[in-house]
Amino acid sequence: MWQSLADTWWAWIVLGFALGVLEVLAPGYIFLGFAIGAVLTGVLVGLGLAPMGLPALIFVFAVASLVAWLVLRRTVGVRNGQVKIWDRDINDDR
């Protein structure tokens, strides 16, 4: 059952949208890379460009997710000065 479901393009697209919903619920660009990887894998399967077989599709999904995460990290990652470092406590004014 899982083998035939993994070979269908729409299953990957649905997984991508589900991971996108998880990203909305838990923001931080954690699930967004996986969501983009799943949608990209679904597009590749739909176009017939992805290799068939569950291990090969999982590998394509992993590589696509890693590339998407690296691009996201580069474009919307941590900016300089974004993190506030407190050097004193507000209760020290007594």
N, C-alpha and C. Protein backbone atom coordinates (compact mmCIF):
# COMPACT_ATOMS: atom_id res chain seq x y z
N MET A 1 0.81 -1.19 0.00
CA MET A 1 0.00 0.00 0.00
C MET A 1 0.86 1.27 0.00
N TRP A 2 1.87 1.33 0.87
CA TRP A 2 2.70 2.53 0.96
C TRP A 2 3.49 2.76 -0.31
N GLN A 3 3.88 1.66 -0.96
CA GLN A 3 4.65 1.80 -2.20
C GLN A 3 3.81 2.47 -3.28
N SER A 4 2.57 2.04 -3.43
CA SER A 4 1.73 2.64 -4.47
C SER A 4 1.33 4.07 -4.11
N LEU A 5 1.17 4.35 -2.82
CA LEU A 5 0.83 5.71 -2.40
C LEU A 5 2.02 6.65 -2.60
N ALA A 6 3.22 6.16 -2.40
CA ALA A 6 4.41 6.99 -2.57
C ALA A 6 4.66 7.30 -4.05
N ASP A 7 4.16 6.47 -4.93
CA ASP A 7 4.37 6.69 -6.36
C ASP A 7 3.33 7.62 -6.98
N THR A 8 2.37 8.09 -6.20
CA THR A 8 1.35 9.00 -6.72
C THR A 8 1.75 10.44 -6.41
N TRP A 9 1.60 11.29 -7.40
CA TRP A 9 2.05 12.68 -7.25
C TRP A 9 1.23 13.44 -6.23
N TRP A 10 -0.09 13.17 -6.19
CA TRP A 10 -0.95 13.96 -5.32
C TRP A 10 -0.70 13.67 -3.84
N ALA A 11 -0.20 12.48 -3.51
CA ALA A 11 0.10 12.18 -2.11
C ALA A 11 1.23 13.07 -1.60
N TRP A 12 2.22 13.32 -2.44
CA TRP A 12 3.32 14.20 -2.05
C TRP A 12 2.85 15.64 -1.91
N ILE A 13 1.94 16.06 -2.79
CA ILE A 13 1.40 17.43 -2.72
C ILE A 13 0.59 17.59 -1.44
N VAL A 14 -0.23 16.61 -1.10
CA VAL A 14 -1.03 16.66 0.13
C VAL A 14 -0.10 16.69 1.34
N LEU A 15 0.95 15.89 1.33
CA LEU A 15 1.93 15.92 2.43
C LEU A 15 2.57 17.29 2.54
N GLY A 16 2.88 17.90 1.41
CA GLY A 16 3.47 19.24 1.43
C GLY A 16 2.54 20.27 2.03
N PHE A 17 1.26 20.22 1.65
CA PHE A 17 0.30 21.16 2.23
C PHE A 17 0.08 20.91 3.71
N ALA A 18 0.07 19.64 4.13
CA ALA A 18 -0.07 19.33 5.55
C ALA A 18 1.13 19.87 6.35
N LEU A 19 2.32 19.73 5.80
CA LEU A 19 3.50 20.29 6.46
C LEU A 19 3.47 21.81 6.46
N GLY A 20 2.88 22.40 5.43
CA GLY A 20 2.70 23.86 5.40
C GLY A 20 1.76 24.32 6.49
N VAL A 21 0.71 23.55 6.75
CA VAL A 21 -0.20 23.88 7.86
C VAL A 21 0.53 23.77 9.19
N LEU A 22 1.36 22.75 9.34
CA LEU A 22 2.16 22.63 10.56
C LEU A 22 3.09 23.82 10.74
N GLU A 23 3.62 24.34 9.64
CA GLU A 23 4.49 25.52 9.72
C GLU A 23 3.72 26.73 10.22
N VAL A 24 2.47 26.86 9.81
CA VAL A 24 1.64 27.97 10.28
C VAL A 24 1.39 27.84 11.78
N LEU A 25 1.17 26.61 12.23
CA LEU A 25 0.88 26.38 13.65
C LEU A 25 2.12 26.48 14.53
N ALA A 26 3.28 26.13 13.99
CA ALA A 26 4.53 26.19 14.74
C ALA A 26 5.57 26.93 13.89
N PRO A 27 5.48 28.27 13.82
CA PRO A 27 6.36 29.01 12.93
C PRO A 27 7.82 28.94 13.37
N GLY A 28 8.68 29.15 12.42
CA GLY A 28 10.11 29.14 12.70
C GLY A 28 10.89 28.56 11.55
N TYR A 29 10.25 28.38 10.40
CA TYR A 29 10.86 27.83 9.20
C TYR A 29 11.40 26.43 9.43
N ILE A 30 10.73 25.65 10.27
CA ILE A 30 11.15 24.28 10.52
C ILE A 30 10.50 23.35 9.51
N PHE A 31 9.17 23.43 9.39
CA PHE A 31 8.44 22.54 8.50
C PHE A 31 8.35 23.07 7.07
N LEU A 32 8.68 24.33 6.87
CA LEU A 32 8.53 24.91 5.55
C LEU A 32 9.47 24.28 4.52
N GLY A 33 10.69 23.98 4.92
CA GLY A 33 11.62 23.30 4.02
C GLY A 33 11.14 21.92 3.63
N PHE A 34 10.57 21.19 4.61
CA PHE A 34 10.01 19.88 4.31
C PHE A 34 8.79 19.99 3.41
N ALA A 35 7.96 21.02 3.63
CA ALA A 35 6.78 21.22 2.80
C ALA A 35 7.18 21.51 1.35
N ILE A 36 8.16 22.36 1.17
CA ILE A 36 8.63 22.67 -0.19
C ILE A 36 9.23 21.41 -0.83
N GLY A 37 9.98 20.64 -0.05
CA GLY A 37 10.56 19.39 -0.56
C GLY A 37 9.50 18.39 -0.99
N ALA A 38 8.42 18.29 -0.22
CA ALA A 38 7.35 17.35 -0.56
C ALA A 38 6.61 17.80 -1.82
N VAL A 39 6.32 19.09 -1.92
CA VAL A 39 5.63 19.59 -3.11
C VAL A 39 6.52 19.42 -4.34
N LEU A 40 7.81 19.72 -4.20
CA LEU A 40 8.73 19.55 -5.33
C LEU A 40 8.84 18.08 -5.74
N THR A 41 8.85 17.18 -4.76
CA THR A 41 8.87 15.75 -5.08
C THR A 41 7.59 15.34 -5.80
N GLY A 42 6.44 15.88 -5.36
CA GLY A 42 5.19 15.60 -6.04
C GLY A 42 5.18 16.09 -7.47
N VAL A 43 5.75 17.27 -7.69
CA VAL A 43 5.83 17.81 -9.06
C VAL A 43 6.73 16.92 -9.92
N LEU A 44 7.85 16.49 -9.37
CA LEU A 44 8.76 15.63 -10.13
C LEU A 44 8.13 14.28 -10.45
N VAL A 45 7.39 13.73 -9.49
CA VAL A 45 6.69 12.46 -9.74
C VAL A 45 5.61 12.67 -10.78
N GLY A 46 4.88 13.77 -10.69
CA GLY A 46 3.82 14.05 -11.66
C GLY A 46 4.33 14.23 -13.08
N LEU A 47 5.50 14.82 -13.20
CA LEU A 47 6.10 15.01 -14.52
C LEU A 47 6.85 13.78 -15.02
N GLY A 48 7.00 12.78 -14.14
CA GLY A 48 7.72 11.57 -14.52
C GLY A 48 9.22 11.70 -14.47
N LEU A 49 9.73 12.71 -13.77
CA LEU A 49 11.17 12.95 -13.70
C LEU A 49 11.83 12.32 -12.48
N ALA A 50 11.03 11.89 -11.51
CA ALA A 50 11.59 11.30 -10.29
C ALA A 50 11.71 9.79 -10.46
N PRO A 51 12.72 9.20 -9.87
CA PRO A 51 12.83 7.74 -9.94
C PRO A 51 11.73 7.09 -9.11
N MET A 52 11.23 5.96 -9.56
CA MET A 52 10.17 5.26 -8.84
C MET A 52 10.78 4.35 -7.78
N GLY A 53 10.01 4.07 -6.77
CA GLY A 53 10.46 3.25 -5.66
C GLY A 53 10.55 4.11 -4.42
N LEU A 54 10.12 3.54 -3.31
CA LEU A 54 10.07 4.30 -2.06
C LEU A 54 11.44 4.81 -1.60
N PRO A 55 12.50 4.00 -1.60
CA PRO A 55 13.80 4.54 -1.17
C PRO A 55 14.30 5.70 -2.04
N ALA A 56 14.10 5.59 -3.33
CA ALA A 56 14.56 6.65 -4.23
C ALA A 56 13.75 7.92 -4.02
N LEU A 57 12.44 7.79 -3.80
CA LEU A 57 11.60 8.96 -3.58
C LEU A 57 11.91 9.63 -2.25
N ILE A 58 12.20 8.83 -1.24
CA ILE A 58 12.58 9.41 0.05
C ILE A 58 13.90 10.17 -0.09
N PHE A 59 14.81 9.65 -0.89
CA PHE A 59 16.07 10.35 -1.12
C PHE A 59 15.84 11.67 -1.86
N VAL A 60 14.98 11.65 -2.88
CA VAL A 60 14.65 12.88 -3.62
C VAL A 60 14.01 13.89 -2.67
N PHE A 61 13.10 13.42 -1.83
CA PHE A 61 12.44 14.28 -0.85
C PHE A 61 13.46 14.88 0.12
N ALA A 62 14.40 14.08 0.60
CA ALA A 62 15.40 14.56 1.55
C ALA A 62 16.31 15.61 0.91
N VAL A 63 16.74 15.36 -0.32
CA VAL A 63 17.63 16.31 -1.00
C VAL A 63 16.87 17.61 -1.30
N ALA A 64 15.63 17.49 -1.78
CA ALA A 64 14.84 18.69 -2.08
C ALA A 64 14.55 19.49 -0.82
N SER A 65 14.28 18.80 0.28
CA SER A 65 14.02 19.49 1.55
C SER A 65 15.27 20.19 2.06
N LEU A 66 16.42 19.55 1.93
CA LEU A 66 17.67 20.17 2.37
C LEU A 66 17.98 21.41 1.55
N VAL A 67 17.82 21.31 0.24
CA VAL A 67 18.08 22.48 -0.61
C VAL A 67 17.11 23.60 -0.29
N ALA A 68 15.83 23.26 -0.09
CA ALA A 68 14.84 24.28 0.26
C ALA A 68 15.16 24.93 1.59
N TRP A 69 15.58 24.13 2.57
CA TRP A 69 15.92 24.68 3.88
C TRP A 69 17.14 25.60 3.78
N LEU A 70 18.14 25.21 3.00
CA LEU A 70 19.32 26.05 2.85
C LEU A 70 18.98 27.37 2.16
N VAL A 71 18.12 27.32 1.15
CA VAL A 71 17.70 28.55 0.48
C VAL A 71 16.90 29.43 1.43
N LEU A 72 16.00 28.83 2.20
CA LEU A 72 15.23 29.60 3.19
C LEU A 72 16.15 30.21 4.24
N ARG A 73 17.10 29.45 4.70
CA ARG A 73 18.04 29.95 5.71
C ARG A 73 18.82 31.14 5.18
N ARG A 74 19.17 31.06 3.89
CA ARG A 74 19.94 32.13 3.27
C ARG A 74 19.09 33.39 3.08
N THR A 75 17.82 33.21 2.71
CA THR A 75 16.98 34.36 2.39
C THR A 75 16.28 34.95 3.60
N VAL A 76 15.77 34.12 4.50
CA VAL A 76 15.01 34.65 5.64
C VAL A 76 15.60 34.20 6.97
N GLY A 77 16.84 33.82 6.97
CA GLY A 77 17.48 33.33 8.19
C GLY A 77 17.72 34.42 9.21
N VAL A 78 18.54 34.11 10.18
CA VAL A 78 18.85 35.04 11.26
C VAL A 78 19.62 36.23 10.70
N ARG A 79 19.14 37.39 11.00
CA ARG A 79 19.79 38.62 10.55
C ARG A 79 20.71 39.15 11.66
N ASN A 80 21.70 39.93 11.28
CA ASN A 80 22.57 40.56 12.27
C ASN A 80 21.77 41.54 13.09
N GLY A 81 21.92 41.50 14.38
CA GLY A 81 21.22 42.41 15.26
C GLY A 81 19.81 41.97 15.59
N GLN A 82 19.39 40.82 15.11
CA GLN A 82 18.04 40.35 15.37
C GLN A 82 17.91 39.81 16.79
N VAL A 83 18.96 39.26 17.32
CA VAL A 83 18.92 38.69 18.66
C VAL A 83 19.30 39.76 19.67
N LYS A 84 18.45 39.95 20.66
CA LYS A 84 18.71 40.94 21.70
C LYS A 84 19.41 40.26 22.85
N ILE A 85 20.55 40.79 23.24
CA ILE A 85 21.32 40.26 24.37
C ILE A 85 21.19 41.24 25.52
N TRP A 86 20.65 40.76 26.61
CA TRP A 86 20.47 41.60 27.79
C TRP A 86 21.73 41.49 28.65
N ASP A 87 22.33 42.64 28.98
CA ASP A 87 23.54 42.62 29.81
C ASP A 87 23.26 43.00 31.25
N ARG A 88 22.03 43.40 31.55
CA ARG A 88 21.69 43.66 32.95
C ARG A 88 20.21 43.36 33.16
N ASP A 89 19.88 43.09 34.40
CA ASP A 89 18.51 42.76 34.77
C ASP A 89 17.77 44.03 35.17
N ILE A 90 16.47 44.13 34.89
CA ILE A 90 15.73 45.35 35.24
C ILE A 90 15.55 45.46 36.74
N ASN A 91 15.76 44.39 37.46
CA ASN A 91 15.63 44.44 38.92
C ASN A 91 16.92 44.89 39.59
N ASP A 92 17.96 45.19 38.84
CA ASP A 92 19.24 45.64 39.40
C ASP A 92 19.23 47.14 39.70
N ASP A 93 18.16 47.88 39.42
CA ASP A 93 18.12 49.31 39.61
C ASP A 93 17.81 49.73 41.04
N ARG A 94 17.73 48.86 41.98
CA ARG A 94 17.39 49.22 43.35
C ARG A 94 18.51 49.86 44.08
